Amino acid sequence: MSYDRPVNVDKDLEYEMIPRDAFGVPAHIPPDLSTNILHTYAVPPEYYPALKRFGDENPSHKVWFDKLIHGQLSYLEYEEMFYRASKPLKTNRKRIPLGFRTAEEETRHEEVNWDGVMRSFQQRAWGEYLTYYVATDLLFSIIFGLWVSQLWVSQVIYYREDMKLFYVEAPEHKIWWLNPRGDL
C-alpha cells in the first residue's frame, strides 16, 4: 500500500471503534473512493414475504422490491423509489389562518400599532432600569469590598508596627525573655 503522507499503520488505523461515514465506509478511505462504491440495502430474510406481497400489490414498485430482496437495491434507486411513491401532504385548510384582516381588524390598525410601540417602550424602560440597578449594585459592592479590605490592611499594618515596638523598644516586657548568665 502507498500513502500520501507518512503513516504508521499499526497506530494510525487502530481504533476501538472505526469511524465511518454515512454509508458505513471506514473514514480513513478517501471520499473519492468511497463514493464510487455501490452501496446497497440488505434486509433480513424474514421480511422477504412481506416485500414480495408489497411488490405484487404495486406493479410499479415490483422492480425495486425484487432488487431489495436480492440485495441489489442501491441508494440512488432507493431515493428514486421513495420520491416516486411520495404524495403531496394533505392539508386541512380550515385550520390555516386567513392571510387577510377583516374590516373590524383594519379599523383597529392604529390601536395595534400604538400597543406595539407602548410594549416596546415598556421593555426598553425595564431593560434600562435593570441595567442601572445591576450597575449600581456592582459599584456599591466594589466600593464596600475596597473599604473592608482597607480596614483589614490598616489593622494588619498597625498590629505589625505595635509588635515591632513591643519586641524592639520595650525588651523588659518581652515574654520568655532569658536572663543573661554573665559568663559570656
N, C-alpha and C. Protein backbone atom coordinates (compact mmCIF):
# COMPACT_ATOMS: atom_id res chain seq x y z
N MET A 1 0.85 -1.19 0.00
CA MET A 1 0.00 0.00 0.00
C MET A 1 0.88 1.23 0.00
N SER A 2 0.40 2.28 -0.63
CA SER A 2 1.14 3.55 -0.62
C SER A 2 0.22 4.62 -0.05
N TYR A 3 0.83 5.57 0.66
CA TYR A 3 0.08 6.64 1.30
C TYR A 3 0.64 7.97 0.85
N ASP A 4 -0.20 9.01 0.92
CA ASP A 4 0.25 10.35 0.52
C ASP A 4 0.98 11.07 1.64
N ARG A 5 1.04 10.47 2.83
CA ARG A 5 1.75 11.05 3.97
C ARG A 5 2.35 9.91 4.77
N PRO A 6 3.35 10.20 5.61
CA PRO A 6 3.92 9.12 6.41
C PRO A 6 2.87 8.54 7.37
N VAL A 7 2.66 7.25 7.34
CA VAL A 7 1.63 6.61 8.14
C VAL A 7 2.24 5.44 8.89
N ASN A 8 1.96 5.38 10.17
CA ASN A 8 2.29 4.20 10.95
C ASN A 8 1.00 3.38 11.02
N VAL A 9 0.92 2.34 10.19
CA VAL A 9 -0.33 1.61 10.02
C VAL A 9 -0.81 1.01 11.32
N ASP A 10 0.11 0.53 12.15
CA ASP A 10 -0.30 -0.09 13.41
C ASP A 10 -0.95 0.89 14.35
N LYS A 11 -0.47 2.13 14.37
CA LYS A 11 -1.01 3.13 15.30
C LYS A 11 -2.15 3.92 14.68
N ASP A 12 -1.98 4.40 13.45
CA ASP A 12 -2.95 5.33 12.87
C ASP A 12 -4.28 4.67 12.54
N LEU A 13 -4.29 3.39 12.24
CA LEU A 13 -5.53 2.71 11.88
C LEU A 13 -6.00 1.77 12.98
N GLU A 14 -5.60 2.05 14.21
CA GLU A 14 -6.01 1.21 15.32
C GLU A 14 -7.06 1.95 16.14
N TYR A 15 -8.29 1.47 16.09
CA TYR A 15 -9.40 2.13 16.78
C TYR A 15 -10.13 1.09 17.62
N GLU A 16 -10.75 1.55 18.71
CA GLU A 16 -11.69 0.67 19.40
C GLU A 16 -12.92 0.51 18.54
N MET A 17 -13.36 1.64 17.94
CA MET A 17 -14.50 1.61 17.05
C MET A 17 -14.11 2.41 15.82
N ILE A 18 -14.16 1.84 14.64
CA ILE A 18 -13.70 2.52 13.44
C ILE A 18 -14.69 3.63 13.08
N PRO A 19 -14.23 4.86 12.91
CA PRO A 19 -15.14 5.92 12.48
C PRO A 19 -15.58 5.66 11.05
N ARG A 20 -16.85 5.90 10.78
CA ARG A 20 -17.40 5.61 9.47
C ARG A 20 -18.19 6.79 8.95
N ASP A 21 -18.36 6.83 7.63
CA ASP A 21 -19.17 7.89 7.04
C ASP A 21 -20.63 7.46 7.03
N ALA A 22 -21.49 8.22 6.31
CA ALA A 22 -22.93 7.97 6.33
C ALA A 22 -23.29 6.60 5.75
N PHE A 23 -22.45 6.06 4.89
CA PHE A 23 -22.75 4.77 4.27
C PHE A 23 -22.11 3.60 5.00
N GLY A 24 -21.37 3.86 6.07
CA GLY A 24 -20.72 2.79 6.80
C GLY A 24 -19.34 2.47 6.30
N VAL A 25 -18.80 3.28 5.39
CA VAL A 25 -17.45 3.06 4.88
C VAL A 25 -16.47 3.63 5.91
N PRO A 26 -15.39 2.89 6.25
CA PRO A 26 -14.41 3.42 7.20
C PRO A 26 -13.89 4.79 6.77
N ALA A 27 -13.73 5.68 7.75
CA ALA A 27 -13.43 7.08 7.45
C ALA A 27 -12.04 7.29 6.87
N HIS A 28 -11.12 6.33 7.06
CA HIS A 28 -9.79 6.55 6.50
C HIS A 28 -9.74 6.26 5.01
N ILE A 29 -10.83 5.75 4.43
CA ILE A 29 -10.90 5.58 2.98
C ILE A 29 -11.32 6.92 2.39
N PRO A 30 -10.57 7.48 1.44
CA PRO A 30 -10.88 8.81 0.92
C PRO A 30 -12.26 8.86 0.27
N PRO A 31 -12.92 10.03 0.31
CA PRO A 31 -14.27 10.14 -0.24
C PRO A 31 -14.35 9.84 -1.73
N ASP A 32 -13.30 10.16 -2.50
CA ASP A 32 -13.39 9.89 -3.94
C ASP A 32 -13.44 8.40 -4.22
N LEU A 33 -12.91 7.57 -3.31
CA LEU A 33 -13.02 6.12 -3.47
C LEU A 33 -14.34 5.60 -2.90
N SER A 34 -14.71 6.13 -1.71
CA SER A 34 -15.91 5.60 -1.05
C SER A 34 -17.18 5.94 -1.82
N THR A 35 -17.18 7.05 -2.56
CA THR A 35 -18.39 7.39 -3.33
C THR A 35 -18.53 6.55 -4.58
N ASN A 36 -17.46 5.92 -5.02
CA ASN A 36 -17.54 5.03 -6.18
C ASN A 36 -18.04 3.64 -5.80
N ILE A 37 -18.09 3.33 -4.51
CA ILE A 37 -18.58 2.04 -4.07
C ILE A 37 -20.10 2.03 -4.24
N LEU A 38 -20.65 0.95 -4.82
CA LEU A 38 -22.09 0.84 -4.98
C LEU A 38 -22.68 0.34 -3.66
N HIS A 39 -23.33 1.24 -2.92
CA HIS A 39 -23.91 0.90 -1.63
C HIS A 39 -25.29 0.31 -1.87
N THR A 40 -25.53 -0.85 -1.31
CA THR A 40 -26.83 -1.49 -1.48
C THR A 40 -27.46 -1.73 -0.12
N TYR A 41 -28.78 -1.87 -0.13
CA TYR A 41 -29.52 -2.14 1.10
C TYR A 41 -29.69 -3.64 1.26
N ALA A 42 -29.60 -4.11 2.50
CA ALA A 42 -29.83 -5.52 2.80
C ALA A 42 -30.87 -5.61 3.90
N VAL A 43 -31.83 -6.52 3.71
CA VAL A 43 -32.87 -6.72 4.72
C VAL A 43 -32.83 -8.19 5.14
N PRO A 44 -33.23 -8.48 6.37
CA PRO A 44 -33.24 -9.88 6.82
C PRO A 44 -34.24 -10.72 6.03
N PRO A 45 -33.99 -12.01 5.92
CA PRO A 45 -34.87 -12.88 5.12
C PRO A 45 -36.31 -12.94 5.61
N GLU A 46 -36.55 -12.67 6.90
CA GLU A 46 -37.94 -12.75 7.38
C GLU A 46 -38.83 -11.66 6.78
N TYR A 47 -38.22 -10.61 6.18
CA TYR A 47 -39.01 -9.56 5.53
C TYR A 47 -39.35 -9.89 4.07
N TYR A 48 -38.75 -10.93 3.51
CA TYR A 48 -38.94 -11.21 2.08
C TYR A 48 -40.40 -11.47 1.71
N PRO A 49 -41.18 -12.26 2.48
CA PRO A 49 -42.57 -12.48 2.08
C PRO A 49 -43.39 -11.19 2.04
N ALA A 50 -43.19 -10.32 3.03
CA ALA A 50 -43.94 -9.05 3.04
C ALA A 50 -43.52 -8.18 1.86
N LEU A 51 -42.22 -8.13 1.57
CA LEU A 51 -41.76 -7.32 0.43
C LEU A 51 -42.28 -7.87 -0.88
N LYS A 52 -42.34 -9.21 -1.00
CA LYS A 52 -42.87 -9.82 -2.21
C LYS A 52 -44.34 -9.48 -2.38
N ARG A 53 -45.10 -9.51 -1.27
CA ARG A 53 -46.53 -9.16 -1.33
C ARG A 53 -46.72 -7.69 -1.72
N PHE A 54 -45.90 -6.78 -1.11
CA PHE A 54 -45.98 -5.36 -1.49
C PHE A 54 -45.68 -5.17 -2.96
N GLY A 55 -44.68 -5.91 -3.48
CA GLY A 55 -44.33 -5.80 -4.89
C GLY A 55 -45.44 -6.30 -5.79
N ASP A 56 -46.13 -7.38 -5.37
CA ASP A 56 -47.24 -7.90 -6.17
C ASP A 56 -48.43 -6.95 -6.16
N GLU A 57 -48.65 -6.25 -5.01
CA GLU A 57 -49.78 -5.31 -4.92
C GLU A 57 -49.51 -4.04 -5.72
N ASN A 58 -48.26 -3.62 -5.84
CA ASN A 58 -47.91 -2.41 -6.59
C ASN A 58 -46.97 -2.78 -7.73
N PRO A 59 -47.51 -3.02 -8.91
CA PRO A 59 -46.63 -3.43 -10.01
C PRO A 59 -45.60 -2.35 -10.37
N SER A 60 -45.91 -1.08 -10.10
CA SER A 60 -44.93 -0.03 -10.44
C SER A 60 -43.70 -0.11 -9.54
N HIS A 61 -43.84 -0.71 -8.36
CA HIS A 61 -42.72 -0.80 -7.41
C HIS A 61 -42.10 -2.19 -7.37
N LYS A 62 -42.65 -3.12 -8.15
CA LYS A 62 -42.18 -4.51 -8.09
C LYS A 62 -40.69 -4.63 -8.40
N VAL A 63 -40.22 -3.83 -9.35
CA VAL A 63 -38.80 -3.90 -9.74
C VAL A 63 -37.91 -3.59 -8.55
N TRP A 64 -38.25 -2.53 -7.80
CA TRP A 64 -37.41 -2.12 -6.67
C TRP A 64 -37.48 -3.13 -5.53
N PHE A 65 -38.69 -3.68 -5.26
CA PHE A 65 -38.80 -4.66 -4.18
C PHE A 65 -38.03 -5.94 -4.52
N ASP A 66 -38.07 -6.35 -5.80
CA ASP A 66 -37.29 -7.53 -6.20
C ASP A 66 -35.79 -7.28 -6.02
N LYS A 67 -35.34 -6.08 -6.38
CA LYS A 67 -33.91 -5.75 -6.18
C LYS A 67 -33.56 -5.75 -4.70
N LEU A 68 -34.48 -5.25 -3.86
CA LEU A 68 -34.23 -5.22 -2.42
C LEU A 68 -34.13 -6.65 -1.87
N ILE A 69 -34.99 -7.54 -2.34
CA ILE A 69 -34.95 -8.93 -1.88
C ILE A 69 -33.63 -9.58 -2.28
N HIS A 70 -33.14 -9.28 -3.50
CA HIS A 70 -31.90 -9.89 -3.99
C HIS A 70 -30.64 -9.14 -3.51
N GLY A 71 -30.81 -8.05 -2.71
CA GLY A 71 -29.66 -7.31 -2.19
C GLY A 71 -28.98 -6.46 -3.24
N GLN A 72 -29.72 -5.98 -4.23
CA GLN A 72 -29.13 -5.20 -5.32
C GLN A 72 -29.68 -3.78 -5.38
N LEU A 73 -30.50 -3.38 -4.42
CA LEU A 73 -31.10 -2.04 -4.44
C LEU A 73 -30.08 -1.02 -3.95
N SER A 74 -29.66 -0.12 -4.83
CA SER A 74 -28.65 0.88 -4.46
C SER A 74 -29.32 2.08 -3.80
N TYR A 75 -28.49 2.94 -3.24
CA TYR A 75 -29.00 4.14 -2.57
C TYR A 75 -29.73 5.05 -3.55
N LEU A 76 -29.20 5.21 -4.74
CA LEU A 76 -29.84 6.08 -5.74
C LEU A 76 -31.19 5.51 -6.18
N GLU A 77 -31.27 4.18 -6.34
CA GLU A 77 -32.54 3.56 -6.71
C GLU A 77 -33.55 3.69 -5.57
N TYR A 78 -33.07 3.57 -4.33
CA TYR A 78 -33.97 3.75 -3.19
C TYR A 78 -34.55 5.16 -3.19
N GLU A 79 -33.70 6.17 -3.43
CA GLU A 79 -34.20 7.55 -3.50
C GLU A 79 -35.23 7.71 -4.60
N GLU A 80 -34.96 7.11 -5.75
CA GLU A 80 -35.92 7.21 -6.86
C GLU A 80 -37.25 6.57 -6.48
N MET A 81 -37.20 5.38 -5.86
CA MET A 81 -38.42 4.69 -5.43
C MET A 81 -39.18 5.54 -4.42
N PHE A 82 -38.45 6.11 -3.46
CA PHE A 82 -39.09 6.89 -2.41
C PHE A 82 -39.79 8.11 -2.99
N TYR A 83 -39.10 8.87 -3.84
CA TYR A 83 -39.70 10.10 -4.35
C TYR A 83 -40.78 9.85 -5.39
N ARG A 84 -40.75 8.70 -6.09
CA ARG A 84 -41.84 8.38 -7.00
C ARG A 84 -43.10 8.02 -6.22
N ALA A 85 -42.93 7.39 -5.06
CA ALA A 85 -44.07 6.95 -4.26
C ALA A 85 -44.61 8.04 -3.35
N SER A 86 -43.84 9.10 -3.15
CA SER A 86 -44.29 10.13 -2.21
C SER A 86 -45.43 10.93 -2.81
N LYS A 87 -46.34 11.34 -1.95
CA LYS A 87 -47.52 12.10 -2.37
C LYS A 87 -47.51 13.44 -1.65
N PRO A 88 -48.18 14.43 -2.20
CA PRO A 88 -48.22 15.73 -1.51
C PRO A 88 -48.91 15.61 -0.15
N LEU A 89 -48.48 16.45 0.74
CA LEU A 89 -49.03 16.46 2.09
C LEU A 89 -50.47 16.95 2.06
N LYS A 90 -51.34 16.24 2.78
CA LYS A 90 -52.74 16.68 2.86
C LYS A 90 -52.82 17.77 3.92
N THR A 91 -53.42 18.88 3.55
CA THR A 91 -53.54 19.99 4.49
C THR A 91 -55.00 20.24 4.78
N ASN A 92 -55.27 20.58 6.02
CA ASN A 92 -56.61 20.93 6.43
C ASN A 92 -56.73 22.44 6.36
N ARG A 93 -57.33 22.93 5.28
CA ARG A 93 -57.38 24.38 5.04
C ARG A 93 -58.16 25.13 6.11
N LYS A 94 -59.09 24.49 6.76
CA LYS A 94 -59.90 25.21 7.77
C LYS A 94 -59.06 25.61 8.97
N ARG A 95 -57.97 24.89 9.22
CA ARG A 95 -57.16 25.19 10.39
C ARG A 95 -56.06 26.20 10.10
N ILE A 96 -55.87 26.59 8.84
CA ILE A 96 -54.85 27.58 8.49
C ILE A 96 -55.48 28.96 8.58
N PRO A 97 -54.89 29.89 9.31
CA PRO A 97 -55.50 31.23 9.42
C PRO A 97 -55.48 31.94 8.07
N LEU A 98 -56.47 32.77 7.88
CA LEU A 98 -56.57 33.51 6.62
C LEU A 98 -55.46 34.55 6.52
N GLY A 99 -55.07 34.86 5.31
CA GLY A 99 -53.98 35.79 5.10
C GLY A 99 -54.41 37.24 5.04
N PHE A 100 -55.63 37.54 5.33
CA PHE A 100 -56.08 38.93 5.29
C PHE A 100 -56.81 39.25 6.59
N ARG A 101 -56.99 40.57 6.84
CA ARG A 101 -57.68 41.01 8.04
C ARG A 101 -59.09 41.46 7.70
N THR A 102 -59.97 41.27 8.64
CA THR A 102 -61.36 41.68 8.43
C THR A 102 -61.45 43.20 8.52
N ALA A 103 -62.63 43.74 8.18
CA ALA A 103 -62.83 45.19 8.24
C ALA A 103 -62.70 45.69 9.67
N GLU A 104 -63.18 44.92 10.64
CA GLU A 104 -63.07 45.33 12.05
C GLU A 104 -61.60 45.38 12.48
N GLU A 105 -60.81 44.40 12.02
CA GLU A 105 -59.38 44.40 12.35
C GLU A 105 -58.67 45.57 11.68
N GLU A 106 -59.08 45.93 10.48
CA GLU A 106 -58.48 47.08 9.79
C GLU A 106 -58.73 48.38 10.55
N THR A 107 -59.93 48.52 11.15
CA THR A 107 -60.22 49.75 11.90
C THR A 107 -59.36 49.84 13.16
N ARG A 108 -58.90 48.73 13.69
CA ARG A 108 -58.09 48.73 14.91
C ARG A 108 -56.60 48.81 14.60
N HIS A 109 -56.22 49.14 13.36
CA HIS A 109 -54.82 49.18 12.95
C HIS A 109 -54.00 50.15 13.81
N GLU A 110 -54.51 51.35 14.03
CA GLU A 110 -53.78 52.35 14.83
C GLU A 110 -53.61 51.89 16.28
N GLU A 111 -54.65 51.28 16.82
CA GLU A 111 -54.57 50.80 18.21
C GLU A 111 -53.51 49.71 18.35
N VAL A 112 -53.46 48.83 17.37
CA VAL A 112 -52.47 47.75 17.40
C VAL A 112 -51.06 48.32 17.30
N ASN A 113 -50.87 49.28 16.40
CA ASN A 113 -49.55 49.92 16.27
C ASN A 113 -49.15 50.62 17.57
N TRP A 114 -50.11 51.37 18.17
CA TRP A 114 -49.81 52.08 19.41
C TRP A 114 -49.47 51.08 20.51
N ASP A 115 -50.20 49.96 20.58
CA ASP A 115 -49.94 48.96 21.60
C ASP A 115 -48.54 48.37 21.42
N GLY A 116 -48.13 48.12 20.18
CA GLY A 116 -46.79 47.60 19.93
C GLY A 116 -45.72 48.58 20.34
N VAL A 117 -45.92 49.86 20.02
CA VAL A 117 -44.95 50.89 20.42
C VAL A 117 -44.87 51.00 21.94
N MET A 118 -46.04 50.94 22.59
CA MET A 118 -46.07 51.05 24.05
C MET A 118 -45.35 49.88 24.70
N ARG A 119 -45.57 48.67 24.19
CA ARG A 119 -44.91 47.49 24.76
C ARG A 119 -43.40 47.57 24.56
N SER A 120 -42.97 48.00 23.39
CA SER A 120 -41.52 48.09 23.17
C SER A 120 -40.91 49.17 24.07
N PHE A 121 -41.64 50.27 24.32
CA PHE A 121 -41.15 51.30 25.24
C PHE A 121 -41.03 50.75 26.66
N GLN A 122 -42.06 49.99 27.09
CA GLN A 122 -42.02 49.41 28.44
C GLN A 122 -40.83 48.45 28.59
N GLN A 123 -40.61 47.64 27.57
CA GLN A 123 -39.49 46.70 27.65
C GLN A 123 -38.15 47.43 27.66
N ARG A 124 -38.04 48.51 26.87
CA ARG A 124 -36.79 49.28 26.86
C ARG A 124 -36.57 49.95 28.22
N ALA A 125 -37.64 50.53 28.80
CA ALA A 125 -37.51 51.18 30.11
C ALA A 125 -37.14 50.16 31.19
N TRP A 126 -37.76 48.97 31.15
CA TRP A 126 -37.45 47.93 32.12
C TRP A 126 -36.00 47.47 31.96
N GLY A 127 -35.53 47.35 30.74
CA GLY A 127 -34.14 46.97 30.50
C GLY A 127 -33.17 48.01 31.02
N GLU A 128 -33.48 49.31 30.80
CA GLU A 128 -32.60 50.36 31.33
C GLU A 128 -32.59 50.35 32.85
N TYR A 129 -33.78 50.14 33.47
CA TYR A 129 -33.85 50.09 34.93
C TYR A 129 -32.98 48.95 35.46
N LEU A 130 -33.11 47.75 34.85
CA LEU A 130 -32.31 46.62 35.31
C LEU A 130 -30.82 46.88 35.12
N THR A 131 -30.46 47.53 34.00
CA THR A 131 -29.05 47.83 33.76
C THR A 131 -28.50 48.76 34.84
N TYR A 132 -29.23 49.85 35.15
CA TYR A 132 -28.78 50.77 36.18
C TYR A 132 -28.75 50.10 37.55
N TYR A 133 -29.75 49.25 37.82
CA TYR A 133 -29.81 48.57 39.12
C TYR A 133 -28.59 47.66 39.30
N VAL A 134 -28.30 46.86 38.28
CA VAL A 134 -27.17 45.95 38.38
C VAL A 134 -25.85 46.72 38.44
N ALA A 135 -25.75 47.81 37.64
CA ALA A 135 -24.50 48.58 37.63
C ALA A 135 -24.26 49.24 39.00
N THR A 136 -25.30 49.84 39.59
CA THR A 136 -25.11 50.48 40.90
C THR A 136 -24.84 49.44 41.97
N ASP A 137 -25.51 48.30 41.89
CA ASP A 137 -25.26 47.22 42.85
C ASP A 137 -23.80 46.76 42.76
N LEU A 138 -23.32 46.59 41.54
CA LEU A 138 -21.92 46.20 41.34
C LEU A 138 -20.97 47.26 41.88
N LEU A 139 -21.24 48.53 41.59
CA LEU A 139 -20.38 49.62 42.04
C LEU A 139 -20.34 49.69 43.57
N PHE A 140 -21.52 49.62 44.22
CA PHE A 140 -21.56 49.67 45.68
C PHE A 140 -20.85 48.47 46.30
N SER A 141 -21.00 47.28 45.70
CA SER A 141 -20.33 46.12 46.27
C SER A 141 -18.81 46.24 46.11
N ILE A 142 -18.34 46.80 44.99
CA ILE A 142 -16.90 47.00 44.81
C ILE A 142 -16.38 48.01 45.83
N ILE A 143 -17.10 49.12 46.01
CA ILE A 143 -16.68 50.15 46.98
C ILE A 143 -16.67 49.57 48.40
N PHE A 144 -17.72 48.81 48.76
CA PHE A 144 -17.77 48.19 50.09
C PHE A 144 -16.62 47.22 50.29
N GLY A 145 -16.32 46.42 49.26
CA GLY A 145 -15.21 45.48 49.35
C GLY A 145 -13.88 46.18 49.51
N LEU A 146 -13.67 47.28 48.76
CA LEU A 146 -12.43 48.05 48.91
C LEU A 146 -12.32 48.66 50.30
N TRP A 147 -13.43 49.16 50.86
CA TRP A 147 -13.42 49.75 52.20
C TRP A 147 -13.06 48.71 53.26
N VAL A 148 -13.67 47.52 53.16
CA VAL A 148 -13.39 46.46 54.14
C VAL A 148 -11.93 46.01 54.01
N SER A 149 -11.45 45.86 52.77
CA SER A 149 -10.05 45.44 52.61
C SER A 149 -9.10 46.52 53.12
N GLN A 150 -9.44 47.82 52.96
CA GLN A 150 -8.60 48.90 53.51
C GLN A 150 -8.56 48.84 55.03
N LEU A 151 -9.71 48.58 55.67
CA LEU A 151 -9.74 48.43 57.12
C LEU A 151 -8.84 47.28 57.57
N TRP A 152 -8.93 46.15 56.88
CA TRP A 152 -8.16 44.97 57.26
C TRP A 152 -6.65 45.22 57.08
N VAL A 153 -6.28 45.83 55.95
CA VAL A 153 -4.85 46.09 55.71
C VAL A 153 -4.33 47.10 56.74
N SER A 154 -5.11 48.12 57.06
CA SER A 154 -4.68 49.09 58.09
C SER A 154 -4.49 48.40 59.44
N GLN A 155 -5.41 47.51 59.79
CA GLN A 155 -5.27 46.79 61.06
C GLN A 155 -3.99 45.95 61.06
N VAL A 156 -3.71 45.27 59.95
CA VAL A 156 -2.50 44.45 59.86
C VAL A 156 -1.27 45.33 60.01
N ILE A 157 -1.25 46.49 59.34
CA ILE A 157 -0.08 47.38 59.40
C ILE A 157 0.15 47.87 60.83
N TYR A 158 -0.91 48.37 61.51
CA TYR A 158 -0.75 48.88 62.86
C TYR A 158 -0.40 47.77 63.85
N TYR A 159 -0.97 46.60 63.68
CA TYR A 159 -0.64 45.49 64.57
C TYR A 159 0.84 45.12 64.42
N ARG A 160 1.31 45.08 63.17
CA ARG A 160 2.72 44.75 62.92
C ARG A 160 3.65 45.79 63.56
N GLU A 161 3.26 47.06 63.40
CA GLU A 161 4.08 48.13 63.99
C GLU A 161 4.09 48.02 65.52
N ASP A 162 2.94 47.72 66.12
CA ASP A 162 2.88 47.57 67.58
C ASP A 162 3.75 46.41 68.05
N MET A 163 3.72 45.31 67.32
CA MET A 163 4.55 44.17 67.71
C MET A 163 6.03 44.49 67.60
N LYS A 164 6.41 45.27 66.56
CA LYS A 164 7.81 45.68 66.44
C LYS A 164 8.21 46.52 67.65
N LEU A 165 7.36 47.50 68.00
CA LEU A 165 7.66 48.34 69.15
C LEU A 165 7.76 47.50 70.43
N PHE A 166 6.86 46.55 70.60
CA PHE A 166 6.85 45.75 71.82
C PHE A 166 8.14 44.95 71.96
N TYR A 167 8.57 44.31 70.85
CA TYR A 167 9.73 43.44 70.95
C TYR A 167 11.05 44.18 70.83
N VAL A 168 11.07 45.33 70.11
CA VAL A 168 12.34 46.04 69.91
C VAL A 168 12.52 47.13 70.96
N GLU A 169 11.52 47.94 71.18
CA GLU A 169 11.67 49.13 72.03
C GLU A 169 11.48 48.83 73.52
N ALA A 170 10.74 47.79 73.87
CA ALA A 170 10.48 47.52 75.29
C ALA A 170 10.85 46.09 75.64
N PRO A 171 12.15 45.81 75.72
CA PRO A 171 12.56 44.42 75.95
C PRO A 171 12.17 43.90 77.33
N GLU A 172 11.95 44.81 78.31
CA GLU A 172 11.61 44.31 79.63
C GLU A 172 10.22 43.70 79.68
N HIS A 173 9.42 43.96 78.67
CA HIS A 173 8.07 43.39 78.62
C HIS A 173 8.00 42.16 77.73
N LYS A 174 9.14 41.71 77.24
CA LYS A 174 9.12 40.56 76.34
C LYS A 174 8.73 39.31 77.10
N ILE A 175 8.02 38.45 76.42
CA ILE A 175 7.63 37.18 77.01
C ILE A 175 8.76 36.19 76.79
N TRP A 176 9.02 35.35 77.75
CA TRP A 176 10.06 34.32 77.69
C TRP A 176 11.46 34.93 77.48
N TRP A 177 11.67 36.09 78.06
CA TRP A 177 12.99 36.72 77.92
C TRP A 177 13.98 35.97 78.81
N LEU A 178 15.15 35.63 78.27
CA LEU A 178 16.14 34.89 79.04
C LEU A 178 17.08 35.88 79.75
N ASN A 179 17.35 35.63 81.03
CA ASN A 179 18.30 36.47 81.76
C ASN A 179 19.70 36.09 81.36
N PRO A 180 20.58 37.11 81.14
CA PRO A 180 21.95 36.77 80.77
C PRO A 180 22.66 36.06 81.93
N ARG A 181 23.49 35.07 81.58
CA ARG A 181 24.16 34.29 82.62
C ARG A 181 25.41 34.99 83.15
N GLY A 182 25.99 35.88 82.40
CA GLY A 182 27.16 36.61 82.86
C GLY A 182 28.49 36.00 82.52
N ASP A 183 28.50 34.77 81.98
CA ASP A 183 29.77 34.15 81.65
C ASP A 183 30.14 34.29 80.18
N LEU A 184 29.36 35.04 79.44
CA LEU A 184 29.66 35.17 78.03
C LEU A 184 30.59 36.32 77.79
